[in-house]
Amino acid sequence: MANESSPIGICGHHPSICARLQQERETANANPEVYFVGYLYLAFSLVALLPALLILAILLRPHFLKQPFYQLLVFFFTLVAANVLLTGVRNVVIGSDKEIKRL
């Protein structure tokens, strides 16, 4: 039977994943501020990206994509959106890894 504190079926087939999940859970319980700051950045980055995503939605219409200038704008806004999102995710992951190494 799977461990109650882990996703169903993970512990039986992948004990290393189960151990990592348990370690993450313990770290998050002991130091919630590490995760809070990372997730806060991620939430604010999504709010900050709303205008860029709106512009992307407008520029992705077929009649805009036929013009090279608009293709360049789509590329730019896609890079900006991906960079901000990945930075937020990276902050969450690095924050958790730093905390685990400190333990």
N, C-alpha and C. Protein backbone atom coordinates (compact mmCIF):
# COMPACT_ATOMS: atom_id res chain seq x y z
N MET A 1 0.84 -1.19 0.00
CA MET A 1 0.00 0.00 0.00
C MET A 1 0.88 1.24 0.00
N ALA A 2 0.47 2.27 -0.71
CA ALA A 2 1.26 3.50 -0.82
C ALA A 2 1.24 4.27 0.49
N ASN A 3 2.29 5.03 0.68
CA ASN A 3 2.41 5.88 1.85
C ASN A 3 1.31 6.94 1.82
N GLU A 4 0.72 7.22 2.97
CA GLU A 4 -0.39 8.18 3.04
C GLU A 4 0.04 9.59 2.65
N SER A 5 1.30 9.96 2.92
CA SER A 5 1.74 11.33 2.69
C SER A 5 2.33 11.53 1.30
N SER A 6 2.26 10.56 0.44
CA SER A 6 2.82 10.70 -0.90
C SER A 6 1.75 10.38 -1.94
N PRO A 7 2.00 10.81 -3.19
CA PRO A 7 1.05 10.48 -4.24
C PRO A 7 0.90 8.96 -4.38
N ILE A 8 -0.28 8.52 -4.74
CA ILE A 8 -0.58 7.10 -4.81
C ILE A 8 0.34 6.40 -5.81
N GLY A 9 0.96 5.31 -5.37
CA GLY A 9 1.77 4.49 -6.25
C GLY A 9 3.21 4.92 -6.41
N ILE A 10 3.59 6.10 -5.99
CA ILE A 10 4.96 6.58 -6.18
C ILE A 10 5.93 5.81 -5.29
N CYS A 11 5.61 5.65 -4.02
CA CYS A 11 6.55 5.06 -3.08
C CYS A 11 6.87 3.61 -3.41
N GLY A 12 5.90 2.86 -3.88
CA GLY A 12 6.14 1.46 -4.18
C GLY A 12 7.10 1.26 -5.34
N HIS A 13 7.03 2.12 -6.34
CA HIS A 13 7.83 1.95 -7.54
C HIS A 13 9.10 2.79 -7.54
N HIS A 14 9.08 3.92 -6.89
CA HIS A 14 10.22 4.84 -6.91
C HIS A 14 10.50 5.35 -5.50
N PRO A 15 11.21 4.60 -4.68
CA PRO A 15 11.46 5.05 -3.31
C PRO A 15 12.29 6.33 -3.24
N SER A 16 13.16 6.58 -4.24
CA SER A 16 13.96 7.81 -4.20
C SER A 16 13.08 9.04 -4.39
N ILE A 17 12.06 8.92 -5.24
CA ILE A 17 11.13 10.03 -5.44
C ILE A 17 10.34 10.27 -4.16
N CYS A 18 9.92 9.18 -3.52
CA CYS A 18 9.17 9.30 -2.28
C CYS A 18 10.02 9.97 -1.20
N ALA A 19 11.30 9.59 -1.13
CA ALA A 19 12.20 10.20 -0.14
C ALA A 19 12.39 11.68 -0.43
N ARG A 20 12.52 12.03 -1.70
CA ARG A 20 12.68 13.44 -2.08
C ARG A 20 11.42 14.25 -1.74
N LEU A 21 10.26 13.68 -2.00
CA LEU A 21 9.01 14.37 -1.66
C LEU A 21 8.89 14.58 -0.16
N GLN A 22 9.27 13.58 0.61
CA GLN A 22 9.23 13.70 2.06
C GLN A 22 10.20 14.77 2.54
N GLN A 23 11.39 14.81 1.94
CA GLN A 23 12.39 15.81 2.31
C GLN A 23 11.88 17.22 1.97
N GLU A 24 11.27 17.36 0.79
CA GLU A 24 10.70 18.65 0.40
C GLU A 24 9.61 19.09 1.37
N ARG A 25 8.76 18.16 1.76
CA ARG A 25 7.67 18.46 2.68
C ARG A 25 8.21 18.92 4.03
N GLU A 26 9.23 18.22 4.53
CA GLU A 26 9.82 18.60 5.82
C GLU A 26 10.49 19.96 5.75
N THR A 27 11.19 20.21 4.65
CA THR A 27 11.85 21.51 4.47
C THR A 27 10.83 22.63 4.40
N ALA A 28 9.74 22.41 3.66
CA ALA A 28 8.70 23.43 3.54
C ALA A 28 8.03 23.69 4.87
N ASN A 29 7.82 22.65 5.66
CA ASN A 29 7.20 22.83 6.97
C ASN A 29 8.12 23.57 7.92
N ALA A 30 9.42 23.31 7.83
CA ALA A 30 10.38 23.94 8.74
C ALA A 30 10.67 25.39 8.36
N ASN A 31 10.68 25.69 7.06
CA ASN A 31 11.05 27.03 6.59
C ASN A 31 10.09 27.50 5.50
N PRO A 32 8.88 27.86 5.87
CA PRO A 32 7.90 28.24 4.84
C PRO A 32 8.26 29.53 4.11
N GLU A 33 9.08 30.40 4.72
CA GLU A 33 9.39 31.68 4.07
C GLU A 33 10.20 31.49 2.80
N VAL A 34 11.01 30.43 2.73
CA VAL A 34 11.80 30.17 1.53
C VAL A 34 10.88 29.95 0.34
N TYR A 35 9.87 29.15 0.53
CA TYR A 35 8.93 28.87 -0.55
C TYR A 35 8.00 30.05 -0.77
N PHE A 36 7.64 30.74 0.29
CA PHE A 36 6.70 31.86 0.18
C PHE A 36 7.26 32.93 -0.74
N VAL A 37 8.54 33.28 -0.57
CA VAL A 37 9.15 34.33 -1.40
C VAL A 37 9.18 33.90 -2.87
N GLY A 38 9.53 32.65 -3.12
CA GLY A 38 9.57 32.17 -4.50
C GLY A 38 8.20 32.16 -5.15
N TYR A 39 7.21 31.68 -4.42
CA TYR A 39 5.86 31.64 -4.97
C TYR A 39 5.26 33.05 -5.09
N LEU A 40 5.64 33.94 -4.19
CA LEU A 40 5.19 35.33 -4.28
C LEU A 40 5.74 35.97 -5.56
N TYR A 41 7.03 35.73 -5.84
CA TYR A 41 7.61 36.25 -7.07
C TYR A 41 6.89 35.66 -8.28
N LEU A 42 6.60 34.38 -8.24
CA LEU A 42 5.92 33.74 -9.35
C LEU A 42 4.53 34.35 -9.57
N ALA A 43 3.81 34.60 -8.49
CA ALA A 43 2.48 35.20 -8.60
C ALA A 43 2.56 36.62 -9.16
N PHE A 44 3.50 37.42 -8.65
CA PHE A 44 3.65 38.79 -9.15
C PHE A 44 4.11 38.79 -10.60
N SER A 45 4.95 37.82 -10.98
CA SER A 45 5.40 37.77 -12.36
C SER A 45 4.24 37.47 -13.30
N LEU A 46 3.31 36.63 -12.86
CA LEU A 46 2.13 36.36 -13.69
C LEU A 46 1.27 37.60 -13.85
N VAL A 47 1.12 38.37 -12.78
CA VAL A 47 0.34 39.62 -12.86
C VAL A 47 1.04 40.61 -13.78
N ALA A 48 2.37 40.69 -13.66
CA ALA A 48 3.13 41.61 -14.51
C ALA A 48 3.09 41.17 -15.97
N LEU A 49 2.92 39.88 -16.21
CA LEU A 49 2.90 39.38 -17.58
C LEU A 49 1.56 39.53 -18.28
N LEU A 50 0.52 39.85 -17.55
CA LEU A 50 -0.79 39.95 -18.19
C LEU A 50 -0.81 40.89 -19.39
N PRO A 51 -0.21 42.09 -19.30
CA PRO A 51 -0.20 42.94 -20.50
C PRO A 51 0.57 42.31 -21.66
N ALA A 52 1.71 41.67 -21.36
CA ALA A 52 2.48 41.03 -22.42
C ALA A 52 1.69 39.88 -23.04
N LEU A 53 0.98 39.12 -22.22
CA LEU A 53 0.19 38.02 -22.75
C LEU A 53 -1.00 38.52 -23.56
N LEU A 54 -1.57 39.65 -23.15
CA LEU A 54 -2.65 40.25 -23.92
C LEU A 54 -2.15 40.71 -25.29
N ILE A 55 -0.99 41.36 -25.31
CA ILE A 55 -0.40 41.79 -26.58
C ILE A 55 -0.11 40.57 -27.46
N LEU A 56 0.42 39.51 -26.84
CA LEU A 56 0.68 38.28 -27.61
C LEU A 56 -0.60 37.72 -28.22
N ALA A 57 -1.67 37.72 -27.44
CA ALA A 57 -2.93 37.20 -27.94
C ALA A 57 -3.42 38.00 -29.15
N ILE A 58 -3.21 39.30 -29.11
CA ILE A 58 -3.61 40.15 -30.24
C ILE A 58 -2.70 39.90 -31.44
N LEU A 59 -1.38 39.82 -31.17
CA LEU A 59 -0.43 39.67 -32.27
C LEU A 59 -0.46 38.29 -32.91
N LEU A 60 -0.99 37.30 -32.23
CA LEU A 60 -1.01 35.95 -32.79
C LEU A 60 -2.16 35.73 -33.78
N ARG A 61 -2.92 36.75 -34.05
CA ARG A 61 -3.96 36.63 -35.07
C ARG A 61 -3.29 36.50 -36.44
N PRO A 62 -3.85 35.70 -37.31
CA PRO A 62 -3.18 35.40 -38.59
C PRO A 62 -2.82 36.62 -39.43
N HIS A 63 -3.67 37.64 -39.47
CA HIS A 63 -3.34 38.77 -40.33
C HIS A 63 -2.17 39.59 -39.79
N PHE A 64 -1.90 39.52 -38.49
CA PHE A 64 -0.72 40.18 -37.94
C PHE A 64 0.55 39.37 -38.23
N LEU A 65 0.44 38.05 -38.19
CA LEU A 65 1.62 37.20 -38.34
C LEU A 65 2.18 37.18 -39.76
N LYS A 66 1.47 37.78 -40.71
CA LYS A 66 1.98 37.84 -42.08
C LYS A 66 3.03 38.94 -42.24
N GLN A 67 3.12 39.85 -41.30
CA GLN A 67 4.05 40.96 -41.39
C GLN A 67 5.28 40.70 -40.51
N PRO A 68 6.49 40.87 -41.05
CA PRO A 68 7.71 40.56 -40.30
C PRO A 68 7.85 41.34 -38.98
N PHE A 69 7.41 42.59 -38.96
CA PHE A 69 7.53 43.37 -37.73
C PHE A 69 6.72 42.74 -36.60
N TYR A 70 5.52 42.29 -36.91
CA TYR A 70 4.69 41.67 -35.89
C TYR A 70 5.23 40.30 -35.48
N GLN A 71 5.87 39.60 -36.42
CA GLN A 71 6.52 38.34 -36.06
C GLN A 71 7.64 38.59 -35.05
N LEU A 72 8.38 39.67 -35.26
CA LEU A 72 9.45 40.03 -34.32
C LEU A 72 8.87 40.40 -32.96
N LEU A 73 7.76 41.14 -32.95
CA LEU A 73 7.12 41.48 -31.67
C LEU A 73 6.64 40.24 -30.93
N VAL A 74 6.06 39.30 -31.65
CA VAL A 74 5.61 38.05 -31.02
C VAL A 74 6.80 37.32 -30.42
N PHE A 75 7.89 37.25 -31.16
CA PHE A 75 9.09 36.59 -30.66
C PHE A 75 9.59 37.28 -29.39
N PHE A 76 9.63 38.61 -29.40
CA PHE A 76 10.11 39.38 -28.24
C PHE A 76 9.22 39.14 -27.02
N PHE A 77 7.91 39.27 -27.19
CA PHE A 77 7.02 39.10 -26.04
C PHE A 77 7.00 37.66 -25.54
N THR A 78 7.20 36.70 -26.45
CA THR A 78 7.31 35.31 -26.01
C THR A 78 8.56 35.11 -25.17
N LEU A 79 9.67 35.70 -25.59
CA LEU A 79 10.91 35.61 -24.80
C LEU A 79 10.75 36.26 -23.44
N VAL A 80 10.13 37.42 -23.40
CA VAL A 80 9.92 38.11 -22.12
C VAL A 80 9.05 37.26 -21.20
N ALA A 81 7.96 36.75 -21.73
CA ALA A 81 7.05 35.93 -20.92
C ALA A 81 7.76 34.68 -20.41
N ALA A 82 8.48 34.00 -21.27
CA ALA A 82 9.18 32.78 -20.86
C ALA A 82 10.25 33.08 -19.83
N ASN A 83 10.98 34.17 -20.02
CA ASN A 83 12.04 34.54 -19.08
C ASN A 83 11.48 34.83 -17.69
N VAL A 84 10.43 35.59 -17.63
CA VAL A 84 9.85 35.93 -16.32
C VAL A 84 9.29 34.69 -15.64
N LEU A 85 8.58 33.86 -16.38
CA LEU A 85 8.03 32.64 -15.78
C LEU A 85 9.12 31.69 -15.31
N LEU A 86 10.13 31.48 -16.14
CA LEU A 86 11.20 30.56 -15.76
C LEU A 86 12.03 31.11 -14.61
N THR A 87 12.17 32.42 -14.52
CA THR A 87 12.88 33.01 -13.38
C THR A 87 12.10 32.76 -12.10
N GLY A 88 10.79 32.89 -12.16
CA GLY A 88 9.98 32.61 -10.98
C GLY A 88 10.07 31.17 -10.56
N VAL A 89 9.99 30.26 -11.51
CA VAL A 89 10.11 28.83 -11.20
C VAL A 89 11.50 28.53 -10.66
N ARG A 90 12.52 29.14 -11.26
CA ARG A 90 13.90 28.92 -10.81
C ARG A 90 14.08 29.39 -9.38
N ASN A 91 13.49 30.52 -9.03
CA ASN A 91 13.60 31.02 -7.66
C ASN A 91 12.98 30.05 -6.67
N VAL A 92 11.87 29.46 -7.03
CA VAL A 92 11.23 28.48 -6.14
C VAL A 92 12.13 27.26 -5.98
N VAL A 93 12.66 26.76 -7.10
CA VAL A 93 13.48 25.55 -7.05
C VAL A 93 14.80 25.82 -6.34
N ILE A 94 15.47 26.93 -6.67
CA ILE A 94 16.75 27.23 -6.03
C ILE A 94 16.55 27.49 -4.55
N GLY A 95 15.49 28.16 -4.20
CA GLY A 95 15.22 28.39 -2.78
C GLY A 95 15.06 27.10 -2.03
N SER A 96 14.36 26.14 -2.61
CA SER A 96 14.17 24.86 -1.93
C SER A 96 15.47 24.07 -1.89
N ASP A 97 16.26 24.11 -2.98
CA ASP A 97 17.53 23.38 -2.99
C ASP A 97 18.53 23.96 -2.00
N LYS A 98 18.59 25.29 -1.91
CA LYS A 98 19.49 25.92 -0.94
C LYS A 98 19.11 25.52 0.48
N GLU A 99 17.83 25.47 0.73
CA GLU A 99 17.37 25.12 2.07
C GLU A 99 17.68 23.66 2.38
N ILE A 100 17.54 22.79 1.41
CA ILE A 100 17.84 21.37 1.62
C ILE A 100 19.34 21.19 1.88
N LYS A 101 20.18 21.89 1.10
CA LYS A 101 21.63 21.77 1.30
C LYS A 101 22.04 22.30 2.67
N ARG A 102 21.34 23.32 3.14
CA ARG A 102 21.66 23.90 4.44
C ARG A 102 21.35 22.92 5.56
N LEU A 103 20.33 22.11 5.38
CA LEU A 103 19.96 21.12 6.39
C LEU A 103 21.00 20.04 6.40
